[in-house]
Amino acid sequence: MSEDKKKKYTTVSIPTPLYEKIKKRIEDTGFTSVSDYVTYVLREVLASLEEEEKEEVFSKEEEEKVKERLRALGYLD
């Protein structure tokens, strides 16, 4: 049995005009259905968001150390 047949699916409702726009957009592409396209787009968006969350940010302590160094160098007042 293929991996797709093992997956469980659900139905998500979208406005009909949006469905029609997507349907027109995917003509002559590798997407075989609006559902395939929407699934692809959502995966891309989620992957992008997860990547943003992984980006390291300075802790408050690290930020203060950087500011102190910049002050010492005369870049900040």
N, C-alpha and C. Protein backbone atom coordinates (compact mmCIF):
# COMPACT_ATOMS: atom_id res chain seq x y z
N MET A 1 0.84 -1.18 0.00
CA MET A 1 0.00 0.00 0.00
C MET A 1 0.89 1.24 0.00
N SER A 2 0.59 2.22 -0.83
CA SER A 2 1.42 3.42 -0.90
C SER A 2 1.23 4.27 0.34
N GLU A 3 2.20 5.16 0.56
CA GLU A 3 2.16 6.02 1.75
C GLU A 3 0.93 6.92 1.74
N ASP A 4 0.52 7.44 0.56
CA ASP A 4 -0.64 8.32 0.49
C ASP A 4 -1.92 7.61 0.91
N LYS A 5 -2.05 6.34 0.61
CA LYS A 5 -3.26 5.62 0.96
C LYS A 5 -3.34 5.34 2.46
N LYS A 6 -2.20 5.34 3.14
CA LYS A 6 -2.17 5.12 4.58
C LYS A 6 -2.55 6.39 5.34
N LYS A 7 -2.35 7.55 4.73
CA LYS A 7 -2.62 8.82 5.39
C LYS A 7 -4.12 9.02 5.55
N LYS A 8 -4.47 9.68 6.63
CA LYS A 8 -5.86 10.06 6.84
C LYS A 8 -6.04 11.49 6.35
N TYR A 9 -7.17 11.78 5.80
CA TYR A 9 -7.44 13.11 5.27
C TYR A 9 -8.67 13.69 5.93
N THR A 10 -8.79 14.99 5.83
CA THR A 10 -9.94 15.71 6.34
C THR A 10 -10.37 16.71 5.28
N THR A 11 -11.51 17.30 5.47
CA THR A 11 -12.01 18.29 4.53
C THR A 11 -11.88 19.67 5.14
N VAL A 12 -11.37 20.59 4.34
CA VAL A 12 -11.28 21.99 4.75
C VAL A 12 -12.06 22.79 3.73
N SER A 13 -12.92 23.65 4.21
CA SER A 13 -13.74 24.45 3.31
C SER A 13 -13.05 25.76 2.98
N ILE A 14 -13.09 26.13 1.71
CA ILE A 14 -12.59 27.43 1.28
C ILE A 14 -13.68 28.06 0.42
N PRO A 15 -13.68 29.38 0.31
CA PRO A 15 -14.69 30.03 -0.52
C PRO A 15 -14.60 29.57 -1.98
N THR A 16 -15.74 29.42 -2.61
CA THR A 16 -15.79 28.95 -4.00
C THR A 16 -14.97 29.83 -4.95
N PRO A 17 -15.04 31.17 -4.83
CA PRO A 17 -14.20 31.99 -5.74
C PRO A 17 -12.71 31.68 -5.59
N LEU A 18 -12.26 31.43 -4.37
CA LEU A 18 -10.85 31.08 -4.16
C LEU A 18 -10.54 29.73 -4.80
N TYR A 19 -11.43 28.77 -4.63
CA TYR A 19 -11.27 27.46 -5.25
C TYR A 19 -11.12 27.60 -6.76
N GLU A 20 -11.99 28.41 -7.36
CA GLU A 20 -11.95 28.61 -8.81
C GLU A 20 -10.65 29.27 -9.26
N LYS A 21 -10.15 30.25 -8.49
CA LYS A 21 -8.88 30.90 -8.82
C LYS A 21 -7.73 29.89 -8.78
N ILE A 22 -7.73 29.06 -7.74
CA ILE A 22 -6.67 28.05 -7.61
C ILE A 22 -6.77 27.05 -8.75
N LYS A 23 -7.98 26.62 -9.05
CA LYS A 23 -8.19 25.65 -10.13
C LYS A 23 -7.64 26.19 -11.45
N LYS A 24 -7.89 27.47 -11.72
CA LYS A 24 -7.39 28.08 -12.95
C LYS A 24 -5.87 28.19 -12.90
N ARG A 25 -5.33 28.54 -11.74
CA ARG A 25 -3.90 28.73 -11.59
C ARG A 25 -3.11 27.44 -11.81
N ILE A 26 -3.66 26.31 -11.44
CA ILE A 26 -2.91 25.06 -11.54
C ILE A 26 -3.05 24.35 -12.89
N GLU A 27 -3.83 24.95 -13.79
CA GLU A 27 -3.94 24.35 -15.12
C GLU A 27 -2.55 24.25 -15.75
N ASP A 28 -2.28 23.16 -16.39
CA ASP A 28 -1.00 22.93 -17.07
C ASP A 28 0.20 22.94 -16.12
N THR A 29 -0.03 22.54 -14.88
CA THR A 29 1.07 22.38 -13.94
C THR A 29 1.10 20.92 -13.52
N GLY A 30 1.97 20.58 -12.63
CA GLY A 30 2.06 19.21 -12.15
C GLY A 30 1.03 18.87 -11.09
N PHE A 31 0.26 19.87 -10.68
CA PHE A 31 -0.75 19.61 -9.66
C PHE A 31 -1.98 19.00 -10.30
N THR A 32 -2.46 17.92 -9.68
CA THR A 32 -3.60 17.20 -10.25
C THR A 32 -4.93 17.62 -9.63
N SER A 33 -4.84 18.39 -8.53
CA SER A 33 -6.09 18.83 -7.91
C SER A 33 -5.83 20.08 -7.07
N VAL A 34 -6.90 20.77 -6.76
CA VAL A 34 -6.81 21.94 -5.88
C VAL A 34 -6.29 21.50 -4.52
N SER A 35 -6.75 20.35 -4.05
CA SER A 35 -6.29 19.84 -2.75
C SER A 35 -4.79 19.63 -2.74
N ASP A 36 -4.23 19.07 -3.81
CA ASP A 36 -2.78 18.87 -3.88
C ASP A 36 -2.04 20.20 -3.79
N TYR A 37 -2.54 21.20 -4.51
CA TYR A 37 -1.90 22.51 -4.52
C TYR A 37 -1.99 23.16 -3.15
N VAL A 38 -3.16 23.14 -2.55
CA VAL A 38 -3.35 23.75 -1.23
C VAL A 38 -2.47 23.06 -0.20
N THR A 39 -2.37 21.75 -0.25
CA THR A 39 -1.51 21.00 0.66
C THR A 39 -0.05 21.43 0.48
N TYR A 40 0.39 21.56 -0.77
CA TYR A 40 1.75 22.00 -1.06
C TYR A 40 2.02 23.39 -0.48
N VAL A 41 1.10 24.33 -0.73
CA VAL A 41 1.28 25.70 -0.26
C VAL A 41 1.32 25.75 1.26
N LEU A 42 0.43 25.03 1.92
CA LEU A 42 0.41 25.03 3.38
C LEU A 42 1.68 24.43 3.95
N ARG A 43 2.18 23.38 3.35
CA ARG A 43 3.45 22.79 3.81
C ARG A 43 4.59 23.79 3.69
N GLU A 44 4.63 24.51 2.57
CA GLU A 44 5.67 25.51 2.36
C GLU A 44 5.59 26.63 3.39
N VAL A 45 4.39 27.10 3.65
CA VAL A 45 4.20 28.18 4.63
C VAL A 45 4.63 27.70 6.02
N LEU A 46 4.19 26.53 6.41
CA LEU A 46 4.56 26.00 7.72
C LEU A 46 6.06 25.78 7.84
N ALA A 47 6.68 25.28 6.80
CA ALA A 47 8.13 25.06 6.82
C ALA A 47 8.86 26.40 6.98
N SER A 48 8.37 27.42 6.31
CA SER A 48 8.97 28.75 6.41
C SER A 48 8.83 29.30 7.83
N LEU A 49 7.66 29.14 8.41
CA LEU A 49 7.44 29.61 9.78
C LEU A 49 8.31 28.86 10.77
N GLU A 50 8.43 27.55 10.59
CA GLU A 50 9.27 26.76 11.48
C GLU A 50 10.73 27.17 11.36
N GLU A 51 11.16 27.49 10.16
CA GLU A 51 12.53 27.93 9.95
C GLU A 51 12.78 29.26 10.66
N GLU A 52 11.82 30.18 10.58
CA GLU A 52 11.94 31.46 11.27
C GLU A 52 12.04 31.26 12.77
N GLU A 53 11.27 30.33 13.30
CA GLU A 53 11.28 30.06 14.74
C GLU A 53 12.62 29.49 15.19
N LYS A 54 13.31 28.79 14.31
CA LYS A 54 14.59 28.18 14.65
C LYS A 54 15.72 29.20 14.73
N GLU A 55 15.54 30.33 14.03
CA GLU A 55 16.59 31.33 14.01
C GLU A 55 16.87 31.80 15.43
N GLU A 56 18.15 31.84 15.76
CA GLU A 56 18.52 32.23 17.11
C GLU A 56 18.41 33.74 17.26
N VAL A 57 17.94 34.14 18.41
CA VAL A 57 17.89 35.56 18.75
C VAL A 57 18.71 35.75 20.00
N PHE A 58 19.12 36.96 20.21
CA PHE A 58 19.91 37.26 21.41
C PHE A 58 19.03 37.18 22.64
N SER A 59 19.58 36.64 23.71
CA SER A 59 18.91 36.72 25.00
C SER A 59 19.08 38.16 25.48
N LYS A 60 18.34 38.55 26.48
CA LYS A 60 18.46 39.91 27.03
C LYS A 60 19.89 40.16 27.50
N GLU A 61 20.47 39.16 28.12
CA GLU A 61 21.84 39.29 28.62
C GLU A 61 22.83 39.50 27.47
N GLU A 62 22.68 38.72 26.40
CA GLU A 62 23.57 38.85 25.24
C GLU A 62 23.38 40.21 24.58
N GLU A 63 22.13 40.65 24.50
CA GLU A 63 21.85 41.95 23.89
C GLU A 63 22.51 43.07 24.69
N GLU A 64 22.45 42.99 26.00
CA GLU A 64 23.09 44.01 26.85
C GLU A 64 24.60 44.02 26.67
N LYS A 65 25.20 42.84 26.53
CA LYS A 65 26.64 42.76 26.32
C LYS A 65 27.04 43.43 25.01
N VAL A 66 26.25 43.20 23.97
CA VAL A 66 26.52 43.82 22.67
C VAL A 66 26.39 45.33 22.78
N LYS A 67 25.34 45.78 23.46
CA LYS A 67 25.14 47.22 23.63
C LYS A 67 26.30 47.85 24.40
N GLU A 68 26.77 47.16 25.45
CA GLU A 68 27.91 47.67 26.22
C GLU A 68 29.15 47.80 25.33
N ARG A 69 29.38 46.81 24.50
CA ARG A 69 30.54 46.86 23.59
C ARG A 69 30.41 48.02 22.61
N LEU A 70 29.21 48.20 22.08
CA LEU A 70 28.98 49.29 21.13
C LEU A 70 29.15 50.65 21.81
N ARG A 71 28.69 50.75 23.06
CA ARG A 71 28.89 52.00 23.83
C ARG A 71 30.38 52.26 24.04
N ALA A 72 31.11 51.21 24.40
CA ALA A 72 32.54 51.34 24.65
C ALA A 72 33.29 51.78 23.39
N LEU A 73 32.76 51.38 22.25
CA LEU A 73 33.39 51.76 20.97
C LEU A 73 32.89 53.12 20.47
N GLY A 74 31.91 53.68 21.16
CA GLY A 74 31.41 55.00 20.80
C GLY A 74 30.27 54.98 19.78
N TYR A 75 29.71 53.83 19.51
CA TYR A 75 28.63 53.74 18.54
C TYR A 75 27.26 54.06 19.15
N LEU A 76 27.14 53.88 20.47
CA LEU A 76 25.90 54.19 21.17
C LEU A 76 26.17 55.18 22.27
N ASP A 77 25.19 56.00 22.56
CA ASP A 77 25.32 56.98 23.66
C ASP A 77 24.86 56.39 24.95
